[in-house]
């Protein structure tokens, strides 16, 4: 058996969902195919891993992340979790607005999300119209769909909590 002929470990769907919810532009989440764990690695740590560095120059807490980053770059044991452009937060927000049954409210919400500052205005309006719970339920459902799609794309078995 070769080095990469291992079974792909199951992943906890909750872990994938958490990574999708917590992502930022500077954060990267990677799934370890051997352990099923999700690892958080910053852009800086990935950059450090590409350099010829002495890992002992870093604080202990960061050494582990840089070691993982090196493994991510030098093996095929990791799969990157969905990123910003794959999730399309704006599209989810827009779809939510279209899902509002009250026509006047739907049109107002669609106007609110046009142009710069759309996310802030949207947030203000969902509080004003008491749509907060509806929004978070909708967003959770969509994030869950994205998480399952990601698992299926990479043939990763997932377990639900």
C-alpha atoms as a PDB file:
ATOM      1  CA  UNK A   1       0.000   0.000   0.000  1.00  0.00           C
ATOM      2  CA  UNK A   2       1.279   3.438  -0.949  1.00  0.00           C
ATOM      3  CA  UNK A   3       1.420   6.458   1.333  1.00  0.00           C
ATOM      4  CA  UNK A   4      -1.943   7.901   0.349  1.00  0.00           C
ATOM      5  CA  UNK A   5      -3.980   4.701   0.218  1.00  0.00           C
ATOM      6  CA  UNK A   6      -5.683   5.360   3.543  1.00  0.00           C
ATOM      7  CA  UNK A   7      -9.404   5.522   4.197  1.00  0.00           C
ATOM      8  CA  UNK A   8     -10.718   9.057   4.204  1.00  0.00           C
ATOM      9  CA  UNK A   9     -11.884   9.760   7.744  1.00  0.00           C
ATOM     10  CA  UNK A  10     -15.431  10.829   8.495  1.00  0.00           C
ATOM     11  CA  UNK A  11     -15.911  14.474   9.320  1.00  0.00           C
ATOM     12  CA  UNK A  12     -18.365  15.958  11.782  1.00  0.00           C
ATOM     13  CA  UNK A  13     -20.800  18.084   9.795  1.00  0.00           C
ATOM     14  CA  UNK A  14     -20.919  20.514  12.748  1.00  0.00           C
ATOM     15  CA  UNK A  15     -17.155  21.112  12.348  1.00  0.00           C
ATOM     16  CA  UNK A  16     -17.582  21.903   8.655  1.00  0.00           C
ATOM     17  CA  UNK A  17     -20.486  24.244   9.463  1.00  0.00           C
ATOM     18  CA  UNK A  18     -18.443  26.005  12.139  1.00  0.00           C
ATOM     19  CA  UNK A  19     -15.576  26.553   9.691  1.00  0.00           C
ATOM     20  CA  UNK A  20     -18.009  28.011   7.139  1.00  0.00           C
ATOM     21  CA  UNK A  21     -19.542  30.327   9.753  1.00  0.00           C
ATOM     22  CA  UNK A  22     -16.200  31.464  11.236  1.00  0.00           C
ATOM     23  CA  UNK A  23     -14.312  32.058   7.977  1.00  0.00           C
ATOM     24  CA  UNK A  24     -12.725  35.400   7.189  1.00  0.00           C
ATOM     25  CA  UNK A  25     -10.541  36.590   4.340  1.00  0.00           C
ATOM     26  CA  UNK A  26      -7.356  35.853   6.342  1.00  0.00           C
ATOM     27  CA  UNK A  27      -8.454  32.478   7.683  1.00  0.00           C
ATOM     28  CA  UNK A  28      -8.138  29.089   6.073  1.00  0.00           C
ATOM     29  CA  UNK A  29      -9.735  25.881   7.191  1.00  0.00           C
ATOM     30  CA  UNK A  30      -8.387  22.527   6.103  1.00  0.00           C
ATOM     31  CA  UNK A  31      -9.828  19.056   6.587  1.00  0.00           C
ATOM     32  CA  UNK A  32      -7.309  16.342   7.465  1.00  0.00           C
ATOM     33  CA  UNK A  33      -8.268  13.250   5.448  1.00  0.00           C
ATOM     34  CA  UNK A  34      -6.486  10.914   7.890  1.00  0.00           C
ATOM     35  CA  UNK A  35      -7.940  12.188  11.166  1.00  0.00           C
ATOM     36  CA  UNK A  36     -11.187  13.842  10.066  1.00  0.00           C
ATOM     37  CA  UNK A  37     -10.179  16.977  11.993  1.00  0.00           C
ATOM     38  CA  UNK A  38     -10.554  20.529  10.746  1.00  0.00           C
ATOM     39  CA  UNK A  39      -7.520  22.796  11.176  1.00  0.00           C
ATOM     40  CA  UNK A  40      -7.566  26.585  11.268  1.00  0.00           C
ATOM     41  CA  UNK A  41      -4.504  28.167   9.656  1.00  0.00           C
ATOM     42  CA  UNK A  42      -3.933  31.870   9.044  1.00  0.00           C
ATOM     43  CA  UNK A  43      -2.575  33.311   5.797  1.00  0.00           C
ATOM     44  CA  UNK A  44       0.548  34.332   7.756  1.00  0.00           C
ATOM     45  CA  UNK A  45       1.150  30.783   8.985  1.00  0.00           C
ATOM     46  CA  UNK A  46       0.814  29.427   5.443  1.00  0.00           C
ATOM     47  CA  UNK A  47       3.261  32.073   4.262  1.00  0.00           C
ATOM     48  CA  UNK A  48       5.732  31.186   7.034  1.00  0.00           C
ATOM     49  CA  UNK A  49       5.460  27.510   6.032  1.00  0.00           C
ATOM     50  CA  UNK A  50       6.601  28.402   2.506  1.00  0.00           C
ATOM     51  CA  UNK A  51       9.742  30.122   3.805  1.00  0.00           C
ATOM     52  CA  UNK A  52      12.894  28.358   4.971  1.00  0.00           C
ATOM     53  CA  UNK A  53      12.338  29.042   8.667  1.00  0.00           C
ATOM     54  CA  UNK A  54      13.533  27.719  12.006  1.00  0.00           C
ATOM     55  CA  UNK A  55      10.340  26.657  13.720  1.00  0.00           C
ATOM     56  CA  UNK A  56      11.988  27.161  17.126  1.00  0.00           C
ATOM     57  CA  UNK A  57      11.998  30.927  16.490  1.00  0.00           C
ATOM     58  CA  UNK A  58       8.226  30.885  17.022  1.00  0.00           C
ATOM     59  CA  UNK A  59       6.252  30.670  20.253  1.00  0.00           C
ATOM     60  CA  UNK A  60       5.195  27.136  21.128  1.00  0.00           C
ATOM     61  CA  UNK A  61       1.501  27.769  20.413  1.00  0.00           C
ATOM     62  CA  UNK A  62       2.325  28.837  16.867  1.00  0.00           C
ATOM     63  CA  UNK A  63       4.813  26.050  16.128  1.00  0.00           C
ATOM     64  CA  UNK A  64       2.008  23.487  15.930  1.00  0.00           C
ATOM     65  CA  UNK A  65       0.074  25.581  13.385  1.00  0.00           C
ATOM     66  CA  UNK A  66       3.172  26.151  11.254  1.00  0.00           C
ATOM     67  CA  UNK A  67       3.970  22.424  11.332  1.00  0.00           C
ATOM     68  CA  UNK A  68       0.416  21.746  10.145  1.00  0.00           C
ATOM     69  CA  UNK A  69       0.775  24.440   7.460  1.00  0.00           C
ATOM     70  CA  UNK A  70       3.976  22.770   6.221  1.00  0.00           C
ATOM     71  CA  UNK A  71       2.156  19.430   6.080  1.00  0.00           C
ATOM     72  CA  UNK A  72      -0.728  21.072   4.185  1.00  0.00           C
ATOM     73  CA  UNK A  73       1.691  22.432   1.582  1.00  0.00           C
ATOM     74  CA  UNK A  74       3.820  19.294   1.238  1.00  0.00           C
ATOM     75  CA  UNK A  75       1.288  16.417   1.368  1.00  0.00           C
ATOM     76  CA  UNK A  76      -2.079  15.639  -0.128  1.00  0.00           C
ATOM     77  CA  UNK A  77      -3.591  14.807   3.277  1.00  0.00           C
ATOM     78  CA  UNK A  78      -5.651  18.001   3.441  1.00  0.00           C
ATOM     79  CA  UNK A  79      -8.617  19.463   1.602  1.00  0.00           C
ATOM     80  CA  UNK A  80      -9.414  23.158   1.861  1.00  0.00           C
ATOM     81  CA  UNK A  81     -12.892  23.968   3.110  1.00  0.00           C
ATOM     82  CA  UNK A  82     -15.183  26.246   1.096  1.00  0.00           C
ATOM     83  CA  UNK A  83     -13.993  29.832   0.832  1.00  0.00           C
ATOM     84  CA  UNK A  84     -15.707  33.211   0.602  1.00  0.00           C
ATOM     85  CA  UNK A  85     -16.500  33.031  -3.124  1.00  0.00           C
ATOM     86  CA  UNK A  86     -17.868  29.483  -2.877  1.00  0.00           C
ATOM     87  CA  UNK A  87     -20.281  30.448  -0.108  1.00  0.00           C
ATOM     88  CA  UNK A  88     -21.608  33.694  -1.683  1.00  0.00           C
ATOM     89  CA  UNK A  89     -22.958  35.440   1.423  1.00  0.00           C
ATOM     90  CA  UNK A  90     -24.486  38.186  -0.709  1.00  0.00           C
ATOM     91  CA  UNK A  91     -26.378  35.628  -2.822  1.00  0.00           C
ATOM     92  CA  UNK A  92     -27.729  33.980   0.342  1.00  0.00           C
ATOM     93  CA  UNK A  93     -28.833  37.372   1.673  1.00  0.00           C
ATOM     94  CA  UNK A  94     -30.504  38.206  -1.652  1.00  0.00           C
ATOM     95  CA  UNK A  95     -32.273  34.821  -1.780  1.00  0.00           C
ATOM     96  CA  UNK A  96     -33.556  35.432   1.743  1.00  0.00           C
ATOM     97  CA  UNK A  97     -35.021  38.765   0.626  1.00  0.00           C
ATOM     98  CA  UNK A  98     -36.732  37.051  -2.321  1.00  0.00           C
ATOM     99  CA  UNK A  99     -38.177  34.459   0.081  1.00  0.00           C
ATOM    100  CA  UNK A 100     -40.109  37.097   2.064  1.00  0.00           C
ATOM    101  CA  UNK A 101     -43.802  36.630   1.303  1.00  0.00           C
ATOM    102  CA  UNK A 102     -44.947  40.191   2.047  1.00  0.00           C
ATOM    103  CA  UNK A 103     -44.419  41.927  -1.306  1.00  0.00           C
ATOM    104  CA  UNK A 104     -43.813  45.440   0.094  1.00  0.00           C
ATOM    105  CA  UNK A 105     -41.352  44.190   2.679  1.00  0.00           C
ATOM    106  CA  UNK A 106     -39.627  41.989   0.080  1.00  0.00           C
ATOM    107  CA  UNK A 107     -39.168  44.977  -2.255  1.00  0.00           C
ATOM    108  CA  UNK A 108     -37.894  47.184   0.580  1.00  0.00           C
ATOM    109  CA  UNK A 109     -35.392  44.526   1.650  1.00  0.00           C
ATOM    110  CA  UNK A 110     -34.186  44.086  -1.942  1.00  0.00           C
ATOM    111  CA  UNK A 111     -33.649  47.871  -2.213  1.00  0.00           C
ATOM    112  CA  UNK A 112     -31.736  47.901   1.077  1.00  0.00           C
ATOM    113  CA  UNK A 113     -29.138  45.416  -0.179  1.00  0.00           C
ATOM    114  CA  UNK A 114     -28.173  47.385  -3.273  1.00  0.00           C
ATOM    115  CA  UNK A 115     -24.768  49.061  -3.346  1.00  0.00           C
ATOM    116  CA  UNK A 116     -22.109  49.746  -0.751  1.00  0.00           C
ATOM    117  CA  UNK A 117     -22.970  48.999   2.884  1.00  0.00           C
ATOM    118  CA  UNK A 118     -25.571  46.375   1.927  1.00  0.00           C
ATOM    119  CA  UNK A 119     -24.719  43.972   4.758  1.00  0.00           C
ATOM    120  CA  UNK A 120     -24.929  46.655   7.459  1.00  0.00           C
ATOM    121  CA  UNK A 121     -28.243  48.018   6.135  1.00  0.00           C
ATOM    122  CA  UNK A 122     -29.614  44.494   5.804  1.00  0.00           C
ATOM    123  CA  UNK A 123     -28.721  43.747   9.425  1.00  0.00           C
ATOM    124  CA  UNK A 124     -30.398  46.973  10.603  1.00  0.00           C
ATOM    125  CA  UNK A 125     -33.594  46.096   8.697  1.00  0.00           C
ATOM    126  CA  UNK A 126     -33.862  42.501   9.893  1.00  0.00           C
ATOM    127  CA  UNK A 127     -33.782  43.853  13.456  1.00  0.00           C
ATOM    128  CA  UNK A 128     -36.260  46.621  12.634  1.00  0.00           C
ATOM    129  CA  UNK A 129     -38.752  44.148  11.115  1.00  0.00           C
ATOM    130  CA  UNK A 130     -38.099  41.342  13.594  1.00  0.00           C
ATOM    131  CA  UNK A 131     -36.727  38.998  10.911  1.00  0.00           C
ATOM    132  CA  UNK A 132     -33.586  38.053  12.834  1.00  0.00           C
ATOM    133  CA  UNK A 133     -34.623  34.489  13.704  1.00  0.00           C
ATOM    134  CA  UNK A 134     -35.958  33.893  10.185  1.00  0.00           C
ATOM    135  CA  UNK A 135     -32.679  35.145   8.716  1.00  0.00           C
ATOM    136  CA  UNK A 136     -30.443  32.996  10.922  1.00  0.00           C
ATOM    137  CA  UNK A 137     -32.612  29.911  10.279  1.00  0.00           C
ATOM    138  CA  UNK A 138     -32.403  30.576   6.541  1.00  0.00           C
ATOM    139  CA  UNK A 139     -28.646  31.201   6.642  1.00  0.00           C
ATOM    140  CA  UNK A 140     -28.048  28.063   8.745  1.00  0.00           C
ATOM    141  CA  UNK A 141     -30.034  25.981   6.257  1.00  0.00           C
ATOM    142  CA  UNK A 142     -28.003  27.351   3.334  1.00  0.00           C
ATOM    143  CA  UNK A 143     -24.656  26.898   5.138  1.00  0.00           C
ATOM    144  CA  UNK A 144     -25.702  23.319   5.911  1.00  0.00           C
ATOM    145  CA  UNK A 145     -26.436  22.723   2.194  1.00  0.00           C
ATOM    146  CA  UNK A 146     -22.980  24.133   1.318  1.00  0.00           C
ATOM    147  CA  UNK A 147     -21.308  21.907   3.928  1.00  0.00           C
ATOM    148  CA  UNK A 148     -23.045  18.781   2.593  1.00  0.00           C
ATOM    149  CA  UNK A 149     -22.229  19.748  -1.027  1.00  0.00           C
ATOM    150  CA  UNK A 150     -18.574  20.145  -0.035  1.00  0.00           C
ATOM    151  CA  UNK A 151     -18.512  16.719   1.657  1.00  0.00           C
ATOM    152  CA  UNK A 152     -20.145  15.089  -1.355  1.00  0.00           C
ATOM    153  CA  UNK A 153     -17.787  16.815  -3.825  1.00  0.00           C
ATOM    154  CA  UNK A 154     -14.786  15.250  -2.062  1.00  0.00           C
ATOM    155  CA  UNK A 155     -16.510  11.936  -1.239  1.00  0.00           C
ATOM    156  CA  UNK A 156     -16.187  12.577   2.480  1.00  0.00           C
ATOM    157  CA  UNK A 157     -18.551  10.733   4.783  1.00  0.00           C
ATOM    158  CA  UNK A 158     -19.997  13.016   7.408  1.00  0.00           C
ATOM    159  CA  UNK A 159     -21.714  12.375  10.683  1.00  0.00           C
ATOM    160  CA  UNK A 160     -24.402  14.564  12.115  1.00  0.00           C
ATOM    161  CA  UNK A 161     -24.407  15.332  15.827  1.00  0.00           C
END
